[in-house]
Amino acid sequence: KGNERKGEETEKQGSKKEQRAERESYAEIMENFGVTPQVKNSLWEFIRHCQLNGRTVTNDKLEKLIVRLDMEYSNDEPGKAAALNKAVAKGYFDIK
């Protein structure tokens, strides 16, 4: 029985480490997608807004958000930042 509990604890610790690693990789994702500093700041605010409201921005969600911003705003970096800032101001958890 003691070994079973240790195994469960190890699994729980492993998943917590994975969750921390996932959060830490936001910067890597932004870097890999070539997000500009202006948009990067707005993305960090958006992520913070989501987390403060009990929402988790998964890596997949972040990647899709960056791609949608690129598709909708192309090279309009101020437009991308404005869309993210508007989402935070209006309490949205996605861009409209």
PDB file of N, CA and C in Angstrom:
ATOM      1  N   LYS A   1       0.821  -1.189   0.000  1.00  0.00           N
ATOM      2  CA  LYS A   1       0.000   0.000   0.000  1.00  0.00           C
ATOM      3  C   LYS A   1       0.867   1.256   0.000  1.00  0.00           C
ATOM      4  N   GLY A   2       1.932   1.235   0.752  1.00  0.00           N
ATOM      5  CA  GLY A   2       2.830   2.378   0.821  1.00  0.00           C
ATOM      6  C   GLY A   2       3.417   2.720  -0.535  1.00  0.00           C
ATOM      7  N   ASN A   3       3.783   1.687  -1.288  1.00  0.00           N
ATOM      8  CA  ASN A   3       4.343   1.912  -2.623  1.00  0.00           C
ATOM      9  C   ASN A   3       3.313   2.501  -3.578  1.00  0.00           C
ATOM     10  N   GLU A   4       2.033   2.056  -3.428  1.00  0.00           N
ATOM     11  CA  GLU A   4       0.981   2.587  -4.288  1.00  0.00           C
ATOM     12  C   GLU A   4       0.837   4.084  -4.077  1.00  0.00           C
ATOM     13  N   ARG A   5       0.843   4.492  -2.829  1.00  0.00           N
ATOM     14  CA  ARG A   5       0.691   5.921  -2.521  1.00  0.00           C
ATOM     15  C   ARG A   5       1.859   6.720  -3.095  1.00  0.00           C
ATOM     16  N   LYS A   6       3.055   6.183  -2.957  1.00  0.00           N
ATOM     17  CA  LYS A   6       4.222   6.883  -3.492  1.00  0.00           C
ATOM     18  C   LYS A   6       4.087   7.038  -4.996  1.00  0.00           C
ATOM     19  N   GLY A   7       3.582   6.020  -5.663  1.00  0.00           N
ATOM     20  CA  GLY A   7       3.387   6.080  -7.108  1.00  0.00           C
ATOM     21  C   GLY A   7       2.396   7.159  -7.491  1.00  0.00           C
ATOM     22  N   GLU A   8       1.290   7.255  -6.721  1.00  0.00           N
ATOM     23  CA  GLU A   8       0.291   8.288  -6.986  1.00  0.00           C
ATOM     24  C   GLU A   8       0.887   9.673  -6.773  1.00  0.00           C
ATOM     25  N   GLU A   9       1.651   9.837  -5.698  1.00  0.00           N
ATOM     26  CA  GLU A   9       2.263  11.137  -5.416  1.00  0.00           C
ATOM     27  C   GLU A   9       3.235  11.517  -6.526  1.00  0.00           C
ATOM     28  N   THR A  10       3.996  10.550  -6.994  1.00  0.00           N
ATOM     29  CA  THR A  10       4.954  10.819  -8.070  1.00  0.00           C
ATOM     30  C   THR A  10       4.216  11.249  -9.330  1.00  0.00           C
ATOM     31  N   GLU A  11       3.090  10.584  -9.632  1.00  0.00           N
ATOM     32  CA  GLU A  11       2.304  10.964 -10.804  1.00  0.00           C
ATOM     33  C   GLU A  11       1.774  12.377 -10.652  1.00  0.00           C
ATOM     34  N   LYS A  12       1.254  12.716  -9.461  1.00  0.00           N
ATOM     35  CA  LYS A  12       0.729  14.062  -9.227  1.00  0.00           C
ATOM     36  C   LYS A  12       1.835  15.102  -9.354  1.00  0.00           C
ATOM     37  N   GLN A  13       2.999  14.801  -8.793  1.00  0.00           N
ATOM     38  CA  GLN A  13       4.120  15.737  -8.878  1.00  0.00           C
ATOM     39  C   GLN A  13       4.533  15.906 -10.334  1.00  0.00           C
ATOM     40  N   GLY A  14       4.530  14.824 -11.082  1.00  0.00           N
ATOM     41  CA  GLY A  14       4.897  14.876 -12.489  1.00  0.00           C
ATOM     42  C   GLY A  14       3.942  15.766 -13.271  1.00  0.00           C
ATOM     43  N   SER A  15       2.626  15.638 -13.000  1.00  0.00           N
ATOM     44  CA  SER A  15       1.673  16.461 -13.740  1.00  0.00           C
ATOM     45  C   SER A  15       1.807  17.931 -13.357  1.00  0.00           C
ATOM     46  N   LYS A  16       2.134  18.216 -12.092  1.00  0.00           N
ATOM     47  CA  LYS A  16       2.352  19.609 -11.684  1.00  0.00           C
ATOM     48  C   LYS A  16       3.570  20.184 -12.390  1.00  0.00           C
ATOM     49  N   LYS A  17       4.616  19.375 -12.517  1.00  0.00           N
ATOM     50  CA  LYS A  17       5.816  19.829 -13.222  1.00  0.00           C
ATOM     51  C   LYS A  17       5.490  20.096 -14.692  1.00  0.00           C
ATOM     52  N   GLU A  18       4.681  19.224 -15.292  1.00  0.00           N
ATOM     53  CA  GLU A  18       4.292  19.412 -16.687  1.00  0.00           C
ATOM     54  C   GLU A  18       3.494  20.700 -16.844  1.00  0.00           C
ATOM     55  N   GLN A  19       2.591  20.979 -15.893  1.00  0.00           N
ATOM     56  CA  GLN A  19       1.799  22.204 -15.966  1.00  0.00           C
ATOM     57  C   GLN A  19       2.702  23.422 -15.867  1.00  0.00           C
ATOM     58  N   ARG A  20       3.673  23.386 -14.968  1.00  0.00           N
ATOM     59  CA  ARG A  20       4.609  24.513 -14.840  1.00  0.00           C
ATOM     60  C   ARG A  20       5.407  24.674 -16.132  1.00  0.00           C
ATOM     61  N   ALA A  21       5.846  23.571 -16.701  1.00  0.00           N
ATOM     62  CA  ALA A  21       6.626  23.623 -17.935  1.00  0.00           C
ATOM     63  C   ALA A  21       5.775  24.205 -19.060  1.00  0.00           C
ATOM     64  N   GLU A  22       4.481  23.859 -19.076  1.00  0.00           N
ATOM     65  CA  GLU A  22       3.587  24.371 -20.100  1.00  0.00           C
ATOM     66  C   GLU A  22       3.468  25.890 -19.981  1.00  0.00           C
ATOM     67  N   ARG A  23       3.296  26.399 -18.781  1.00  0.00           N
ATOM     68  CA  ARG A  23       3.187  27.850 -18.582  1.00  0.00           C
ATOM     69  C   ARG A  23       4.486  28.543 -18.951  1.00  0.00           C
ATOM     70  N   GLU A  24       5.589  27.939 -18.624  1.00  0.00           N
ATOM     71  CA  GLU A  24       6.886  28.552 -18.897  1.00  0.00           C
ATOM     72  C   GLU A  24       7.165  28.619 -20.394  1.00  0.00           C
ATOM     73  N   SER A  25       6.480  27.811 -21.177  1.00  0.00           N
ATOM     74  CA  SER A  25       6.774  27.775 -22.603  1.00  0.00           C
ATOM     75  C   SER A  25       6.003  28.831 -23.396  1.00  0.00           C
ATOM     76  N   TYR A  26       5.170  29.649 -22.750  1.00  0.00           N
ATOM     77  CA  TYR A  26       4.482  30.724 -23.467  1.00  0.00           C
ATOM     78  C   TYR A  26       5.498  31.593 -24.206  1.00  0.00           C
ATOM     79  N   ALA A  27       6.570  31.956 -23.523  1.00  0.00           N
ATOM     80  CA  ALA A  27       7.598  32.808 -24.134  1.00  0.00           C
ATOM     81  C   ALA A  27       8.217  32.123 -25.354  1.00  0.00           C
ATOM     82  N   GLU A  28       8.447  30.815 -25.248  1.00  0.00           N
ATOM     83  CA  GLU A  28       9.010  30.068 -26.375  1.00  0.00           C
ATOM     84  C   GLU A  28       8.052  30.075 -27.562  1.00  0.00           C
ATOM     85  N   ILE A  29       6.778  29.889 -27.284  1.00  0.00           N
ATOM     86  CA  ILE A  29       5.781  29.883 -28.361  1.00  0.00           C
ATOM     87  C   ILE A  29       5.774  31.246 -29.056  1.00  0.00           C
ATOM     88  N   MET A  30       5.757  32.308 -28.265  1.00  0.00           N
ATOM     89  CA  MET A  30       5.752  33.655 -28.846  1.00  0.00           C
ATOM     90  C   MET A  30       7.006  33.884 -29.679  1.00  0.00           C
ATOM     91  N   GLU A  31       8.122  33.399 -29.176  1.00  0.00           N
ATOM     92  CA  GLU A  31       9.391  33.537 -29.893  1.00  0.00           C
ATOM     93  C   GLU A  31       9.355  32.755 -31.209  1.00  0.00           C
ATOM     94  N   ASN A  32       8.851  31.512 -31.143  1.00  0.00           N
ATOM     95  CA  ASN A  32       8.787  30.660 -32.337  1.00  0.00           C
ATOM     96  C   ASN A  32       7.874  31.234 -33.414  1.00  0.00           C
ATOM     97  N   PHE A  33       6.819  31.945 -32.996  1.00  0.00           N
ATOM     98  CA  PHE A  33       5.893  32.538 -33.950  1.00  0.00           C
ATOM     99  C   PHE A  33       6.334  33.935 -34.383  1.00  0.00           C
ATOM    100  N   GLY A  34       7.429  34.431 -33.819  1.00  0.00           N
ATOM    101  CA  GLY A  34       7.947  35.744 -34.208  1.00  0.00           C
ATOM    102  C   GLY A  34       7.065  36.901 -33.778  1.00  0.00           C
ATOM    103  N   VAL A  35       6.444  36.767 -32.614  1.00  0.00           N
ATOM    104  CA  VAL A  35       5.567  37.818 -32.103  1.00  0.00           C
ATOM    105  C   VAL A  35       6.406  39.049 -31.749  1.00  0.00           C
ATOM    106  N   THR A  36       5.939  40.207 -32.201  1.00  0.00           N
ATOM    107  CA  THR A  36       6.673  41.452 -31.945  1.00  0.00           C
ATOM    108  C   THR A  36       6.506  41.876 -30.485  1.00  0.00           C
ATOM    109  N   PRO A  37       7.434  42.691 -29.973  1.00  0.00           N
ATOM    110  CA  PRO A  37       7.343  43.122 -28.570  1.00  0.00           C
ATOM    111  C   PRO A  37       6.012  43.787 -28.216  1.00  0.00           C
ATOM    112  N   GLN A  38       5.482  44.614 -29.119  1.00  0.00           N
ATOM    113  CA  GLN A  38       4.212  45.294 -28.852  1.00  0.00           C
ATOM    114  C   GLN A  38       3.078  44.288 -28.632  1.00  0.00           C
ATOM    115  N   VAL A  39       3.000  43.299 -29.507  1.00  0.00           N
ATOM    116  CA  VAL A  39       1.943  42.286 -29.405  1.00  0.00           C
ATOM    117  C   VAL A  39       2.233  41.348 -28.235  1.00  0.00           C
ATOM    118  N   LYS A  40       3.513  41.068 -28.010  1.00  0.00           N
ATOM    119  CA  LYS A  40       3.910  40.184 -26.916  1.00  0.00           C
ATOM    120  C   LYS A  40       3.417  40.735 -25.573  1.00  0.00           C
ATOM    121  N   ASN A  41       3.576  42.036 -25.359  1.00  0.00           N
ATOM    122  CA  ASN A  41       3.106  42.654 -24.109  1.00  0.00           C
ATOM    123  C   ASN A  41       1.602  42.489 -23.949  1.00  0.00           C
ATOM    124  N   SER A  42       0.866  42.685 -25.027  1.00  0.00           N
ATOM    125  CA  SER A  42      -0.591  42.525 -24.975  1.00  0.00           C
ATOM    126  C   SER A  42      -0.986  41.069 -24.749  1.00  0.00           C
ATOM    127  N   LEU A  43      -0.229  40.147 -25.342  1.00  0.00           N
ATOM    128  CA  LEU A  43      -0.508  38.720 -25.118  1.00  0.00           C
ATOM    129  C   LEU A  43      -0.296  38.347 -23.651  1.00  0.00           C
ATOM    130  N   TRP A  44       0.792  38.868 -23.053  1.00  0.00           N
ATOM    131  CA  TRP A  44       1.041  38.590 -21.637  1.00  0.00           C
ATOM    132  C   TRP A  44      -0.092  39.132 -20.772  1.00  0.00           C
ATOM    133  N   GLU A  45      -0.614  40.313 -21.107  1.00  0.00           N
ATOM    134  CA  GLU A  45      -1.744  40.887 -20.366  1.00  0.00           C
ATOM    135  C   GLU A  45      -2.985  40.013 -20.530  1.00  0.00           C
ATOM    136  N   PHE A  46      -3.199  39.520 -21.747  1.00  0.00           N
ATOM    137  CA  PHE A  46      -4.341  38.650 -22.018  1.00  0.00           C
ATOM    138  C   PHE A  46      -4.232  37.355 -21.216  1.00  0.00           C
ATOM    139  N   ILE A  47      -3.044  36.757 -21.211  1.00  0.00           N
ATOM    140  CA  ILE A  47      -2.812  35.519 -20.449  1.00  0.00           C
ATOM    141  C   ILE A  47      -3.054  35.773 -18.962  1.00  0.00           C
ATOM    142  N   ARG A  48      -2.524  36.877 -18.462  1.00  0.00           N
ATOM    143  CA  ARG A  48      -2.702  37.231 -17.049  1.00  0.00           C
ATOM    144  C   ARG A  48      -4.187  37.422 -16.721  1.00  0.00           C
ATOM    145  N   HIS A  49      -4.899  38.123 -17.590  1.00  0.00           N
ATOM    146  CA  HIS A  49      -6.342  38.344 -17.426  1.00  0.00           C
ATOM    147  C   HIS A  49      -7.072  37.002 -17.332  1.00  0.00           C
ATOM    148  N   CYS A  50      -6.741  36.088 -18.230  1.00  0.00           N
ATOM    149  CA  CYS A  50      -7.389  34.775 -18.220  1.00  0.00           C
ATOM    150  C   CYS A  50      -7.097  34.032 -16.918  1.00  0.00           C
ATOM    151  N   GLN A  51      -5.828  34.033 -16.508  1.00  0.00           N
ATOM    152  CA  GLN A  51      -5.442  33.312 -15.296  1.00  0.00           C
ATOM    153  C   GLN A  51      -6.094  33.904 -14.058  1.00  0.00           C
ATOM    154  N   LEU A  52      -6.184  35.221 -13.987  1.00  0.00           N
ATOM    155  CA  LEU A  52      -6.816  35.869 -12.836  1.00  0.00           C
ATOM    156  C   LEU A  52      -8.297  35.538 -12.744  1.00  0.00           C
ATOM    157  N   ASN A  53      -8.883  35.141 -13.869  1.00  0.00           N
ATOM    158  CA  ASN A  53     -10.298  34.789 -13.908  1.00  0.00           C
ATOM    159  C   ASN A  53     -10.523  33.282 -13.978  1.00  0.00           C
ATOM    160  N   GLY A  54      -9.498  32.530 -13.576  1.00  0.00           N
ATOM    161  CA  GLY A  54      -9.634  31.077 -13.472  1.00  0.00           C
ATOM    162  C   GLY A  54      -9.588  30.333 -14.789  1.00  0.00           C
ATOM    163  N   ARG A  55      -9.141  30.970 -15.844  1.00  0.00           N
ATOM    164  CA  ARG A  55      -9.033  30.311 -17.139  1.00  0.00           C
ATOM    165  C   ARG A  55      -7.569  29.985 -17.406  1.00  0.00           C
ATOM    166  N   THR A  56      -7.344  28.868 -18.048  1.00  0.00           N
ATOM    167  CA  THR A  56      -5.984  28.481 -18.408  1.00  0.00           C
ATOM    168  C   THR A  56      -5.820  28.623 -19.914  1.00  0.00           C
ATOM    169  N   VAL A  57      -4.810  29.345 -20.324  1.00  0.00           N
ATOM    170  CA  VAL A  57      -4.490  29.455 -21.746  1.00  0.00           C
ATOM    171  C   VAL A  57      -3.502  28.327 -22.045  1.00  0.00           C
ATOM    172  N   THR A  58      -3.983  27.324 -22.744  1.00  0.00           N
ATOM    173  CA  THR A  58      -3.106  26.202 -23.090  1.00  0.00           C
ATOM    174  C   THR A  58      -2.167  26.640 -24.213  1.00  0.00           C
ATOM    175  N   ASN A  59      -1.133  25.876 -24.415  1.00  0.00           N
ATOM    176  CA  ASN A  59      -0.205  26.170 -25.509  1.00  0.00           C
ATOM    177  C   ASN A  59      -0.952  26.179 -26.838  1.00  0.00           C
ATOM    178  N   ASP A  60      -1.839  25.214 -27.024  1.00  0.00           N
ATOM    179  CA  ASP A  60      -2.618  25.108 -28.255  1.00  0.00           C
ATOM    180  C   ASP A  60      -3.477  26.354 -28.451  1.00  0.00           C
ATOM    181  N   LYS A  61      -4.132  26.810 -27.390  1.00  0.00           N
ATOM    182  CA  LYS A  61      -4.977  28.013 -27.454  1.00  0.00           C
ATOM    183  C   LYS A  61      -4.127  29.234 -27.807  1.00  0.00           C
ATOM    184  N   LEU A  62      -2.954  29.356 -27.205  1.00  0.00           N
ATOM    185  CA  LEU A  62      -2.074  30.484 -27.494  1.00  0.00           C
ATOM    186  C   LEU A  62      -1.637  30.470 -28.955  1.00  0.00           C
ATOM    187  N   GLU A  63      -1.256  29.298 -29.449  1.00  0.00           N
ATOM    188  CA  GLU A  63      -0.839  29.179 -30.844  1.00  0.00           C
ATOM    189  C   GLU A  63      -1.968  29.566 -31.792  1.00  0.00           C
ATOM    190  N   LYS A  64      -3.178  29.080 -31.520  1.00  0.00           N
ATOM    191  CA  LYS A  64      -4.328  29.405 -32.370  1.00  0.00           C
ATOM    192  C   LYS A  64      -4.650  30.892 -32.313  1.00  0.00           C
ATOM    193  N   LEU A  65      -4.505  31.491 -31.150  1.00  0.00           N
ATOM    194  CA  LEU A  65      -4.753  32.920 -30.984  1.00  0.00           C
ATOM    195  C   LEU A  65      -3.769  33.741 -31.824  1.00  0.00           C
ATOM    196  N   ILE A  66      -2.502  33.367 -31.779  1.00  0.00           N
ATOM    197  CA  ILE A  66      -1.472  34.067 -32.558  1.00  0.00           C
ATOM    198  C   ILE A  66      -1.757  33.927 -34.061  1.00  0.00           C
ATOM    199  N   VAL A  67      -2.125  32.718 -34.490  1.00  0.00           N
ATOM    200  CA  VAL A  67      -2.419  32.477 -35.904  1.00  0.00           C
ATOM    201  C   VAL A  67      -3.640  33.300 -36.332  1.00  0.00           C
ATOM    202  N   ARG A  68      -4.691  33.330 -35.494  1.00  0.00           N
ATOM    203  CA  ARG A  68      -5.890  34.116 -35.836  1.00  0.00           C
ATOM    204  C   ARG A  68      -5.564  35.599 -35.930  1.00  0.00           C
ATOM    205  N   LEU A  69      -4.741  36.087 -35.013  1.00  0.00           N
ATOM    206  CA  LEU A  69      -4.338  37.494 -35.077  1.00  0.00           C
ATOM    207  C   LEU A  69      -3.593  37.771 -36.386  1.00  0.00           C
ATOM    208  N   ASP A  70      -2.699  36.865 -36.753  1.00  0.00           N
ATOM    209  CA  ASP A  70      -1.950  37.029 -38.007  1.00  0.00           C
ATOM    210  C   ASP A  70      -2.886  36.999 -39.222  1.00  0.00           C
ATOM    211  N   MET A  71      -3.870  36.110 -39.198  1.00  0.00           N
ATOM    212  CA  MET A  71      -4.801  35.997 -40.318  1.00  0.00           C
ATOM    213  C   MET A  71      -5.686  37.236 -40.430  1.00  0.00           C
ATOM    214  N   GLU A  72      -6.163  37.733 -39.306  1.00  0.00           N
ATOM    215  CA  GLU A  72      -7.092  38.863 -39.328  1.00  0.00           C
ATOM    216  C   GLU A  72      -6.396  40.204 -39.517  1.00  0.00           C
ATOM    217  N   TYR A  73      -5.191  40.356 -38.968  1.00  0.00           N
ATOM    218  CA  TYR A  73      -4.536  41.666 -38.964  1.00  0.00           C
ATOM    219  C   TYR A  73      -3.242  41.712 -39.778  1.00  0.00           C
ATOM    220  N   SER A  74      -2.827  40.577 -40.336  1.00  0.00           N
ATOM    221  CA  SER A  74      -1.619  40.485 -41.150  1.00  0.00           C
ATOM    222  C   SER A  74      -0.425  41.161 -40.463  1.00  0.00           C
ATOM    223  N   ASN A  75       0.079  42.257 -41.020  1.00  0.00           N
ATOM    224  CA  ASN A  75       1.234  42.942 -40.429  1.00  0.00           C
ATOM    225  C   ASN A  75       0.845  44.152 -39.581  1.00  0.00           C
ATOM    226  N   ASP A  76      -0.437  44.303 -39.283  1.00  0.00           N
ATOM    227  CA  ASP A  76      -0.926  45.434 -38.482  1.00  0.00           C
ATOM    228  C   ASP A  76      -0.711  45.138 -36.995  1.00  0.00           C
ATOM    229  N   GLU A  77       0.518  45.349 -36.540  1.00  0.00           N
ATOM    230  CA  GLU A  77       0.869  45.036 -35.146  1.00  0.00           C
ATOM    231  C   GLU A  77       0.036  45.855 -34.146  1.00  0.00           C
ATOM    232  N   PRO A  78      -0.171  47.168 -34.381  1.00  0.00           N
ATOM    233  CA  PRO A  78      -1.029  47.920 -33.455  1.00  0.00           C
ATOM    234  C   PRO A  78      -2.460  47.369 -33.419  1.00  0.00           C
ATOM    235  N   GLY A  79      -2.944  46.871 -34.549  1.00  0.00           N
ATOM    236  CA  GLY A  79      -4.288  46.282 -34.602  1.00  0.00           C
ATOM    237  C   GLY A  79      -4.376  45.013 -33.770  1.00  0.00           C
ATOM    238  N   LYS A  80      -3.343  44.191 -33.845  1.00  0.00           N
ATOM    239  CA  LYS A  80      -3.300  42.956 -33.043  1.00  0.00           C
ATOM    240  C   LYS A  80      -3.312  43.297 -31.552  1.00  0.00           C
ATOM    241  N   ALA A  81      -2.451  44.245 -31.169  1.00  0.00           N
ATOM    242  CA  ALA A  81      -2.370  44.652 -29.764  1.00  0.00           C
ATOM    243  C   ALA A  81      -3.696  45.232 -29.306  1.00  0.00           C
ATOM    244  N   ALA A  82      -4.329  46.036 -30.155  1.00  0.00           N
ATOM    245  CA  ALA A  82      -5.614  46.654 -29.808  1.00  0.00           C
ATOM    246  C   ALA A  82      -6.698  45.592 -29.606  1.00  0.00           C
ATOM    247  N   ALA A  83      -6.703  44.565 -30.451  1.00  0.00           N
ATOM    248  CA  ALA A  83      -7.696  43.488 -30.328  1.00  0.00           C
ATOM    249  C   ALA A  83      -7.530  42.755 -29.001  1.00  0.00           C
ATOM    250  N   LEU A  84      -6.293  42.496 -28.622  1.00  0.00           N
ATOM    251  CA  LEU A  84      -6.024  41.825 -27.348  1.00  0.00           C
ATOM    252  C   LEU A  84      -6.403  42.721 -26.175  1.00  0.00           C
ATOM    253  N   ASN A  85      -6.044  43.988 -26.266  1.00  0.00           N
ATOM    254  CA  ASN A  85      -6.367  44.931 -25.189  1.00  0.00           C
ATOM    255  C   ASN A  85      -7.880  45.094 -25.032  1.00  0.00           C
ATOM    256  N   LYS A  86      -8.597  45.116 -26.156  1.00  0.00           N
ATOM    257  CA  LYS A  86     -10.058  45.224 -26.118  1.00  0.00           C
ATOM    258  C   LYS A  86     -10.658  43.990 -25.439  1.00  0.00           C
ATOM    259  N   ALA A  87     -10.127  42.810 -25.761  1.00  0.00           N
ATOM    260  CA  ALA A  87     -10.626  41.571 -25.148  1.00  0.00           C
ATOM    261  C   ALA A  87     -10.465  41.627 -23.631  1.00  0.00           C
ATOM    262  N   VAL A  88      -9.307  42.104 -23.172  1.00  0.00           N
ATOM    263  CA  VAL A  88      -9.062  42.200 -21.724  1.00  0.00           C
ATOM    264  C   VAL A  88     -10.006  43.225 -21.099  1.00  0.00           C
ATOM    265  N   ALA A  89     -10.136  44.387 -21.736  1.00  0.00           N
ATOM    266  CA  ALA A  89     -10.978  45.458 -21.202  1.00  0.00           C
ATOM    267  C   ALA A  89     -12.449  45.035 -21.100  1.00  0.00           C
ATOM    268  N   LYS A  90     -12.906  44.231 -22.053  1.00  0.00           N
ATOM    269  CA  LYS A  90     -14.306  43.819 -22.057  1.00  0.00           C
ATOM    270  C   LYS A  90     -14.541  42.510 -21.303  1.00  0.00           C
ATOM    271  N   GLY A  91     -13.448  41.920 -20.787  1.00  0.00           N
ATOM    272  CA  GLY A  91     -13.586  40.690 -20.008  1.00  0.00           C
ATOM    273  C   GLY A  91     -13.721  39.439 -20.845  1.00  0.00           C
ATOM    274  N   TYR A  92     -13.306  39.503 -22.112  1.00  0.00           N
ATOM    275  CA  TYR A  92     -13.390  38.331 -22.986  1.00  0.00           C
ATOM    276  C   TYR A  92     -12.210  37.410 -22.747  1.00  0.00           C
ATOM    277  N   PHE A  93     -12.395  36.141 -23.085  1.00  0.00           N
ATOM    278  CA  PHE A  93     -11.325  35.152 -22.980  1.00  0.00           C
ATOM    279  C   PHE A  93     -10.897  34.683 -24.365  1.00  0.00           C
ATOM    280  N   ASP A  94     -11.276  35.469 -25.359  1.00  0.00           N
ATOM    281  CA  ASP A  94     -10.896  35.215 -26.745  1.00  0.00           C
ATOM    282  C   ASP A  94     -10.995  36.555 -27.465  1.00  0.00           C
ATOM    283  N   ILE A  95     -10.417  36.644 -28.645  1.00  0.00           N
ATOM    284  CA  ILE A  95     -10.515  37.901 -29.382  1.00  0.00           C
ATOM    285  C   ILE A  95     -11.812  37.886 -30.182  1.00  0.00           C
ATOM    286  N   LYS A  96     -12.429  39.034 -30.334  1.00  0.00           N
ATOM    287  CA  LYS A  96     -13.696  39.142 -31.077  1.00  0.00           C
ATOM    288  C   LYS A  96     -13.436  39.781 -32.415  1.00  0.00           C
TER     289      LYS A  96
END
